[in-house]
Amino acid sequence: MTRMLAALLTTTMAAYPAFADDERIVVGFATGASGFMEAYDKPAQDAAMIRIDEINAAGGLLGKKIEVVSADTKSDRAEGAKAGLSVIDEGADLVVVSCDYDFGAPAALAAEDAGLVSFFLCAESVKAGIQGVGPHSFSASVLAAVQGATMAEWAFKEKKAKTFYRLLDTWTEYNKGICDGFDWMMPKLEAEGAKLVGEDTFKNEDASIAAQISRIKALPQEPDAIMLCTMMPGAVSAIKQIRAAGINAMILNGSGVDGSYWLSAVPDLSNFFTPVQGSIYGDDPNPDVNTFNAVYKKKTGSDPSSQYVYPGYSMIDVWAKAVERAKTTEAGAVVAELEKMKGEPTLFGPRTFTPELHHQNQARYLIVETNKGKPGVVGNWTISEPVPLEAVVK
């Protein structure tokens, strides 16, 4: 009889999801509140808080107000693991981690070990998800490979660039991802007349890339475009040196250099292009994005610093939708609902998740050109086909 009762209870429990804790729903931020990652994490976290406030003002999630707990990773991997454990101990149902895979992974892995959903605020390496953390981990942003593929195809199709030079900063997985996408796209463009005329590498902390610049200048003809796969802080030095050497080719980069905060270091920079999910410059073609920018400024006292603000808002949006549909914060049920999302509308573009990929491998990007030191939207581009999984896990 006891065995029959136990079996009946097991069957009954399996038929219904484990509903969220009756007392509260908690989002835990294990992010960089100090150190260099603060520049990426804090703006995205501020945007996440705007969405949380909107949800709470509308009655909450599953009828409960979302509570927030936080811990500072100090932009350090070891401290990141501690921060993850800290917010888990405080009852986090969702663990939000840093924008970069390398620095967010320790906290995400702590969440995975605890059987909790984690979201990278804006990491763009495929490892920030199933491939590098586990089945409960997601990123709110778009793969770096999509950025590299987008810029290559856009430059060829729209700007008529024929010759390309690939310059990779080997510091992070994000940088490598940009060039992985570029590498995937180039054979398609070469079939239509494009040509890769050279490639080289450098390190973010390199004070000089004179040798790399010399090799570019030694080419029979200056390339039409340089695919620069890098991020801050080293990006500024690399761009400045390229222009100081008299190389005026288009410079294509990933989203990691979006923002005007650094442009004074390269006065009158022109012919420089980046892909963004939304424009911080007041010229986004979607008026709702410009409205969000105004709300962000009112709540934080400053304009968004870069497009990396936006994924934080989208992350809370899609997670909350999944929780509502699952009627629980239980990780397995929420993951199942997230993986059903196909082109799920968000303020900053549709989101799709699958059991194989918890990232975006295709997206519409706005293209921002910096001309005489002033950035602005000059068009948009969606790559002709999604970047395949085998290319992004290269």
Protein backbone atom coordinates (compact mmCIF):
# COMPACT_ATOMS: atom_id res chain seq x y z
CA MET A 1 0.00 0.00 0.00
CA THR A 2 2.84 2.38 0.88
CA ARG A 3 4.55 1.65 -2.43
CA MET A 4 1.28 2.20 -4.31
CA LEU A 5 0.78 5.54 -2.55
CA ALA A 6 4.33 6.64 -3.28
CA ALA A 7 3.92 5.72 -6.93
CA LEU A 8 0.64 7.60 -7.10
CA LEU A 9 2.21 10.70 -5.55
CA THR A 10 5.16 10.53 -7.94
CA THR A 11 2.83 10.27 -10.93
CA THR A 12 0.67 13.12 -9.69
CA MET A 13 3.66 15.39 -9.03
CA ALA A 14 5.09 14.66 -12.48
CA ALA A 15 1.82 15.69 -14.09
CA TYR A 16 2.00 19.21 -12.70
CA PRO A 17 4.88 21.71 -12.71
CA ALA A 18 6.52 22.74 -9.46
CA PHE A 19 5.00 26.17 -8.97
CA ALA A 20 7.06 29.17 -7.93
CA ASP A 21 7.79 29.74 -4.28
CA ASP A 22 4.65 31.09 -2.61
CA GLU A 23 6.54 33.86 -0.91
CA ARG A 24 8.67 35.51 -3.59
CA ILE A 25 10.36 35.49 -6.98
CA VAL A 26 14.01 36.53 -6.90
CA VAL A 27 16.37 37.68 -9.64
CA GLY A 28 20.01 37.56 -8.58
CA PHE A 29 22.62 39.71 -10.31
CA ALA A 30 26.15 38.30 -10.04
CA THR A 31 27.73 41.04 -12.10
CA GLY A 32 30.58 43.54 -12.15
CA ALA A 33 29.78 46.50 -9.91
CA SER A 34 33.49 47.42 -9.93
CA GLY A 35 36.43 46.87 -12.24
CA PHE A 36 36.44 47.10 -16.03
CA MET A 37 33.34 44.89 -16.51
CA GLU A 38 31.23 47.51 -14.72
CA ALA A 39 31.21 49.55 -17.94
CA TYR A 40 29.40 46.70 -19.69
CA ASP A 41 27.43 45.14 -16.84
CA LYS A 42 25.95 48.14 -15.06
CA PRO A 43 24.18 49.69 -18.08
CA ALA A 44 22.63 46.34 -19.07
CA GLN A 45 21.64 45.71 -15.44
CA ASP A 46 20.03 49.17 -15.28
CA ALA A 47 17.99 48.25 -18.36
CA ALA A 48 17.02 44.95 -16.76
CA MET A 49 15.81 46.87 -13.71
CA ILE A 50 13.61 49.04 -15.94
CA ARG A 51 11.85 45.92 -17.23
CA ILE A 52 11.58 44.50 -13.70
CA ASP A 53 10.02 47.76 -12.50
CA GLU A 54 7.56 47.67 -15.41
CA ILE A 55 6.55 44.11 -14.57
CA ASN A 56 6.14 44.91 -10.89
CA ALA A 57 4.11 48.02 -11.68
CA ALA A 58 1.80 45.87 -13.82
CA GLY A 59 1.13 43.45 -10.96
CA GLY A 60 4.27 41.36 -10.86
CA LEU A 61 5.13 37.92 -12.15
CA LEU A 62 2.73 35.08 -11.33
CA GLY A 63 1.03 37.63 -9.09
CA LYS A 64 4.21 38.30 -7.09
CA LYS A 65 6.60 41.22 -7.12
CA ILE A 66 10.06 40.42 -8.41
CA GLU A 67 12.73 40.94 -5.77
CA VAL A 68 16.36 41.66 -6.64
CA VAL A 69 19.56 40.57 -4.90
CA SER A 70 23.07 41.29 -6.11
CA ALA A 71 26.73 40.50 -5.57
CA ASP A 72 29.82 42.13 -7.09
CA THR A 73 32.13 39.94 -9.17
CA LYS A 74 34.74 42.73 -9.02
CA SER A 75 35.49 41.87 -12.66
CA ASP A 76 37.40 38.84 -11.42
CA ARG A 77 36.72 35.21 -12.32
CA ALA A 78 37.28 33.82 -8.83
CA GLU A 79 35.08 36.51 -7.31
CA GLY A 80 32.51 35.72 -9.99
CA ALA A 81 32.04 32.20 -8.68
CA LYS A 82 31.61 33.58 -5.15
CA ALA A 83 29.08 36.14 -6.37
CA GLY A 84 27.07 33.43 -8.09
CA LEU A 85 26.95 31.34 -4.95
CA SER A 86 26.00 34.41 -2.93
CA VAL A 87 22.86 35.24 -4.94
CA ILE A 88 21.92 31.56 -5.05
CA ASP A 89 22.13 31.46 -1.25
CA GLU A 90 19.79 34.46 -1.18
CA GLY A 91 17.15 32.50 -3.07
CA ALA A 92 17.67 33.54 -6.69
CA ASP A 93 15.30 31.89 -9.18
CA LEU A 94 17.23 33.46 -12.05
CA VAL A 95 20.98 34.15 -11.92
CA VAL A 96 22.07 37.03 -14.16
CA VAL A 97 25.79 37.09 -14.94
CA SER A 98 28.31 39.36 -16.66
CA CYS A 99 28.25 40.48 -20.27
CA ASP A 100 31.37 38.55 -21.22
CA TYR A 101 31.62 34.74 -21.30
CA ASP A 102 35.07 34.62 -19.72
CA PHE A 103 34.00 36.72 -16.75
CA GLY A 104 30.38 35.58 -16.48
CA ALA A 105 30.96 31.82 -16.76
CA PRO A 106 32.03 31.18 -13.13
CA ALA A 107 28.72 32.51 -11.77
CA ALA A 108 26.75 30.80 -14.56
CA LEU A 109 28.43 27.48 -13.76
CA ALA A 110 27.45 27.91 -10.11
CA ALA A 111 23.84 28.38 -11.23
CA GLU A 112 24.07 25.33 -13.50
CA ASP A 113 25.34 23.22 -10.61
CA ALA A 114 22.37 24.43 -8.57
CA GLY A 115 19.91 23.56 -11.36
CA LEU A 116 18.96 27.20 -11.95
CA VAL A 117 18.45 29.24 -15.10
CA SER A 118 21.22 31.72 -15.84
CA PHE A 119 21.29 34.54 -18.36
CA PHE A 120 24.42 36.35 -19.51
CA LEU A 121 23.53 40.03 -19.70
CA CYS A 122 25.00 40.49 -23.16
CA ALA A 123 27.71 37.88 -23.81
CA GLU A 124 28.16 37.08 -27.49
CA SER A 125 30.32 33.95 -27.46
CA VAL A 126 28.46 30.71 -28.19
CA LYS A 127 30.04 29.37 -24.99
CA ALA A 128 27.72 31.65 -23.03
CA GLY A 129 24.99 29.05 -23.11
CA ILE A 130 24.67 25.32 -23.65
CA GLN A 131 28.10 24.91 -25.22
CA GLY A 132 30.14 26.50 -22.42
CA VAL A 133 27.91 26.26 -19.34
CA GLY A 134 25.00 23.84 -19.74
CA PRO A 135 21.35 23.40 -20.70
CA HIS A 136 20.00 26.00 -18.25
CA SER A 137 22.18 28.86 -19.54
CA PHE A 138 21.23 31.55 -22.08
CA SER A 139 22.45 34.86 -23.45
CA ALA A 140 20.24 37.85 -24.13
CA SER A 141 22.40 39.17 -26.96
CA VAL A 142 23.35 38.14 -30.51
CA LEU A 143 26.34 35.95 -31.34
CA ALA A 144 29.59 37.71 -32.17
CA ALA A 145 29.79 35.56 -35.29
CA VAL A 146 26.61 37.22 -36.57
CA GLN A 147 28.33 40.60 -36.21
CA GLY A 148 31.35 39.53 -38.25
CA ALA A 149 29.20 37.91 -40.93
CA THR A 150 26.88 40.92 -41.03
CA MET A 151 29.65 43.46 -41.50
CA ALA A 152 31.37 41.43 -44.21
CA GLU A 153 28.20 40.86 -46.24
CA TRP A 154 26.94 44.42 -45.77
CA ALA A 155 30.29 45.94 -46.79
CA PHE A 156 30.40 43.77 -49.92
CA LYS A 157 26.77 44.18 -50.94
CA GLU A 158 26.10 47.77 -49.90
CA LYS A 159 29.53 49.46 -49.96
CA LYS A 160 30.95 47.42 -52.86
CA ALA A 161 34.06 46.42 -50.88
CA LYS A 162 35.98 43.78 -52.79
CA THR A 163 39.22 43.30 -50.86
CA PHE A 164 39.29 42.51 -47.14
CA TYR A 165 42.00 42.28 -44.48
CA ARG A 166 41.32 40.30 -41.27
CA LEU A 167 42.90 41.59 -38.05
CA LEU A 168 42.12 39.55 -34.92
CA ASP A 169 42.71 40.52 -31.31
CA THR A 170 43.10 37.12 -29.62
CA TRP A 171 42.23 38.32 -26.10
CA THR A 172 38.66 37.04 -25.66
CA GLU A 173 36.21 34.50 -27.05
CA TYR A 174 34.07 37.43 -28.16
CA ASN A 175 36.81 38.74 -30.45
CA LYS A 176 37.42 35.29 -31.92
CA GLY A 177 33.70 34.93 -32.50
CA ILE A 178 33.56 38.07 -34.65
CA CYS A 179 36.28 36.70 -36.90
CA ASP A 180 34.66 33.23 -36.94
CA GLY A 181 31.55 34.80 -38.48
CA PHE A 182 33.67 36.76 -40.93
CA ASP A 183 35.51 33.54 -41.87
CA TRP A 184 32.20 31.75 -42.48
CA MET A 185 30.88 34.53 -44.70
CA MET A 186 34.03 35.20 -46.77
CA PRO A 187 33.92 32.07 -48.99
CA LYS A 188 30.37 33.01 -49.97
CA LEU A 189 31.54 36.50 -50.91
CA GLU A 190 34.65 35.21 -52.67
CA ALA A 191 32.35 33.21 -54.94
CA GLU A 192 30.90 36.57 -55.98
CA GLY A 193 34.22 38.35 -56.47
CA ALA A 194 35.47 39.33 -53.00
CA LYS A 195 39.03 38.52 -51.90
CA LEU A 196 40.79 38.14 -48.55
CA VAL A 197 44.16 39.83 -49.16
CA GLY A 198 45.73 39.20 -45.76
CA GLU A 199 45.24 38.38 -42.11
CA ASP A 200 47.07 38.98 -38.86
CA THR A 201 46.68 38.90 -35.08
CA PHE A 202 47.52 41.07 -32.09
CA LYS A 203 46.76 41.22 -28.37
CA ASN A 204 44.46 43.71 -26.70
CA GLU A 205 47.19 44.90 -24.35
CA ASP A 206 49.74 45.46 -27.13
CA ALA A 207 50.99 49.04 -26.93
CA SER A 208 51.97 48.90 -30.58
CA ILE A 209 50.68 47.09 -33.64
CA ALA A 210 53.32 48.65 -35.88
CA ALA A 211 54.37 45.31 -37.33
CA GLN A 212 50.80 44.44 -38.31
CA ILE A 213 50.30 47.88 -39.84
CA SER A 214 53.52 47.52 -41.82
CA ARG A 215 52.21 44.31 -43.35
CA ILE A 216 48.98 46.04 -44.37
CA LYS A 217 50.92 48.91 -45.92
CA ALA A 218 53.16 46.44 -47.77
CA LEU A 219 50.20 45.16 -49.77
CA PRO A 220 50.19 46.13 -53.46
CA GLN A 221 47.00 48.09 -52.81
CA GLU A 222 45.23 49.23 -49.65
CA PRO A 223 42.31 46.87 -48.88
CA ASP A 224 38.79 48.18 -49.24
CA ALA A 225 37.91 47.04 -45.72
CA ILE A 226 39.67 45.89 -42.57
CA MET A 227 37.70 43.46 -40.42
CA LEU A 228 38.94 44.42 -36.96
CA CYS A 229 37.88 41.79 -34.42
CA THR A 230 38.51 43.51 -31.09
CA MET A 231 36.92 45.21 -28.09
CA MET A 232 37.71 47.85 -25.50
CA PRO A 233 40.08 48.97 -24.15
CA GLY A 234 42.63 47.91 -26.76
CA ALA A 235 40.38 48.77 -29.70
CA VAL A 236 41.02 52.50 -29.29
CA SER A 237 44.78 52.11 -29.60
CA ALA A 238 44.51 49.82 -32.63
CA ILE A 239 42.11 52.13 -34.48
CA LYS A 240 44.19 55.20 -33.67
CA GLN A 241 47.38 53.56 -34.94
CA ILE A 242 45.73 52.37 -38.17
CA ARG A 243 44.51 55.86 -38.98
CA ALA A 244 47.77 57.52 -37.88
CA ALA A 245 49.60 55.30 -40.35
CA GLY A 246 47.60 56.84 -43.18
CA ILE A 247 45.40 53.80 -43.78
CA ASN A 248 41.97 55.14 -44.72
CA ALA A 249 40.22 51.85 -45.57
CA MET A 250 36.80 51.11 -44.10
CA ILE A 251 37.22 49.66 -40.62
CA LEU A 252 34.54 47.13 -39.73
CA ASN A 253 34.16 46.01 -36.14
CA GLY A 254 31.74 44.23 -33.84
CA SER A 255 29.28 45.83 -31.45
CA GLY A 256 31.91 45.93 -28.69
CA VAL A 257 33.09 49.34 -29.88
CA ASP A 258 29.67 50.99 -30.04
CA GLY A 259 29.40 54.28 -28.17
CA SER A 260 30.79 57.79 -28.48
CA TYR A 261 32.57 57.81 -25.11
CA TRP A 262 35.93 56.89 -26.67
CA LEU A 263 35.82 58.87 -29.90
CA SER A 264 37.71 61.88 -28.52
CA ALA A 265 40.80 59.65 -28.45
CA VAL A 266 40.62 59.34 -32.25
CA PRO A 267 39.65 62.85 -33.40
CA ASP A 268 37.57 63.11 -36.58
CA LEU A 269 37.44 59.34 -37.06
CA SER A 270 35.65 58.48 -40.32
CA ASN A 271 34.84 55.45 -42.44
CA PHE A 272 34.29 53.36 -39.31
CA PHE A 273 31.32 50.98 -39.05
CA THR A 274 29.68 48.91 -36.31
CA PRO A 275 26.51 46.78 -36.05
CA VAL A 276 24.04 47.58 -33.24
CA GLN A 277 20.77 46.09 -31.98
CA GLY A 278 19.43 49.57 -31.28
CA SER A 279 20.75 53.10 -31.63
CA ILE A 280 21.75 55.19 -28.63
CA TYR A 281 22.12 58.27 -30.86
CA GLY A 282 18.47 59.32 -31.03
CA ASP A 283 18.04 58.15 -34.61
CA ASP A 284 16.70 54.63 -34.20
CA PRO A 285 14.03 53.94 -36.84
CA ASN A 286 11.90 52.34 -34.12
CA PRO A 287 10.38 55.19 -32.06
CA ASP A 288 9.87 52.83 -29.10
CA VAL A 289 13.65 52.50 -28.80
CA ASN A 290 14.04 56.27 -28.65
CA THR A 291 11.32 56.32 -25.97
CA PHE A 292 13.21 53.66 -24.01
CA ASN A 293 16.37 55.77 -24.24
CA ALA A 294 14.49 58.68 -22.65
CA VAL A 295 13.18 56.43 -19.85
CA TYR A 296 16.69 55.09 -19.28
CA LYS A 297 18.07 58.62 -18.97
CA LYS A 298 15.32 59.63 -16.57
CA LYS A 299 15.97 56.62 -14.33
CA THR A 300 19.77 56.61 -14.45
CA GLY A 301 20.64 60.25 -15.08
CA SER A 302 22.55 59.52 -18.29
CA ASP A 303 21.99 58.39 -21.84
CA PRO A 304 22.70 54.76 -22.76
CA SER A 305 26.46 54.41 -23.24
CA SER A 306 26.28 51.73 -25.93
CA GLN A 307 23.99 49.13 -27.48
CA TYR A 308 24.95 46.77 -24.64
CA VAL A 309 22.28 48.46 -22.53
CA TYR A 310 19.55 46.81 -24.56
CA PRO A 311 20.04 43.06 -24.05
CA GLY A 312 19.45 43.47 -20.30
CA TYR A 313 15.90 44.64 -20.99
CA SER A 314 15.25 41.86 -23.51
CA MET A 315 16.61 39.23 -21.12
CA ILE A 316 14.12 40.00 -18.36
CA ASP A 317 11.36 40.27 -20.95
CA VAL A 318 11.83 36.79 -22.45
CA TRP A 319 12.50 35.13 -19.08
CA ALA A 320 9.34 36.65 -17.56
CA LYS A 321 7.27 35.51 -20.55
CA ALA A 322 8.63 31.97 -20.14
CA VAL A 323 7.82 31.99 -16.41
CA GLU A 324 4.27 33.17 -17.07
CA ARG A 325 3.73 30.48 -19.70
CA ALA A 326 5.25 27.77 -17.52
CA LYS A 327 3.34 29.08 -14.48
CA THR A 328 6.46 28.41 -12.44
CA THR A 329 10.06 29.50 -11.99
CA GLU A 330 11.20 25.86 -11.95
CA ALA A 331 14.22 25.76 -14.25
CA GLY A 332 13.26 22.82 -16.46
CA ALA A 333 9.81 24.22 -17.21
CA VAL A 334 11.17 27.71 -17.91
CA VAL A 335 13.88 26.35 -20.23
CA ALA A 336 11.21 24.38 -22.12
CA GLU A 337 9.18 27.55 -22.68
CA LEU A 338 12.23 29.56 -23.73
CA GLU A 339 13.12 26.86 -26.26
CA LYS A 340 9.65 27.19 -27.79
CA MET A 341 10.30 30.84 -28.63
CA LYS A 342 10.63 31.36 -32.38
CA GLY A 343 10.95 34.98 -33.39
CA GLU A 344 9.58 36.09 -30.02
CA PRO A 345 8.98 39.87 -30.28
CA THR A 346 11.05 42.10 -28.01
CA LEU A 347 11.72 45.82 -28.09
CA PHE A 348 15.15 45.17 -29.58
CA GLY A 349 14.30 42.54 -32.14
CA PRO A 350 12.93 38.99 -32.18
CA ARG A 351 14.47 36.21 -30.10
CA THR A 352 14.66 32.52 -30.94
CA PHE A 353 15.97 29.74 -28.71
CA THR A 354 16.28 26.04 -29.53
CA PRO A 355 17.39 22.92 -27.63
CA GLU A 356 20.69 23.22 -29.53
CA LEU A 357 21.35 26.95 -29.27
CA HIS A 358 20.46 29.43 -26.52
CA HIS A 359 21.72 32.37 -28.58
CA GLN A 360 20.75 34.34 -31.69
CA ASN A 361 22.52 33.17 -34.86
CA GLN A 362 20.69 35.63 -37.13
CA ALA A 363 19.47 39.14 -36.44
CA ARG A 364 18.65 42.44 -38.06
CA TYR A 365 21.40 44.88 -37.22
CA LEU A 366 21.42 48.62 -37.63
CA ILE A 367 24.68 49.81 -39.18
CA VAL A 368 26.27 52.81 -37.47
CA GLU A 369 28.85 54.86 -39.33
CA THR A 370 31.22 57.22 -37.55
CA ASN A 371 31.93 60.15 -39.87
CA LYS A 372 34.17 63.02 -38.74
CA GLY A 373 33.82 61.82 -35.18
CA LYS A 374 30.02 61.63 -35.19
CA PRO A 375 28.23 58.25 -35.16
CA GLY A 376 24.82 57.68 -36.69
CA VAL A 377 22.64 55.02 -38.30
CA VAL A 378 23.17 54.69 -42.06
CA GLY A 379 21.25 51.49 -42.76
CA ASN A 380 20.42 48.02 -41.57
CA TRP A 381 21.29 44.48 -42.58
CA THR A 382 20.15 40.93 -41.90
CA ILE A 383 22.54 38.22 -43.07
CA SER A 384 21.22 36.09 -45.90
CA GLU A 385 21.13 32.93 -43.77
CA PRO A 386 21.74 32.04 -40.09
CA VAL A 387 25.30 31.27 -39.06
CA PRO A 388 25.36 27.47 -38.60
CA LEU A 389 26.25 25.92 -35.28
CA GLU A 390 29.42 24.32 -36.64
CA ALA A 391 30.71 27.78 -37.59
CA VAL A 392 29.99 29.40 -34.22
CA VAL A 393 31.60 26.56 -32.23
CA LYS A 394 34.74 26.75 -34.37
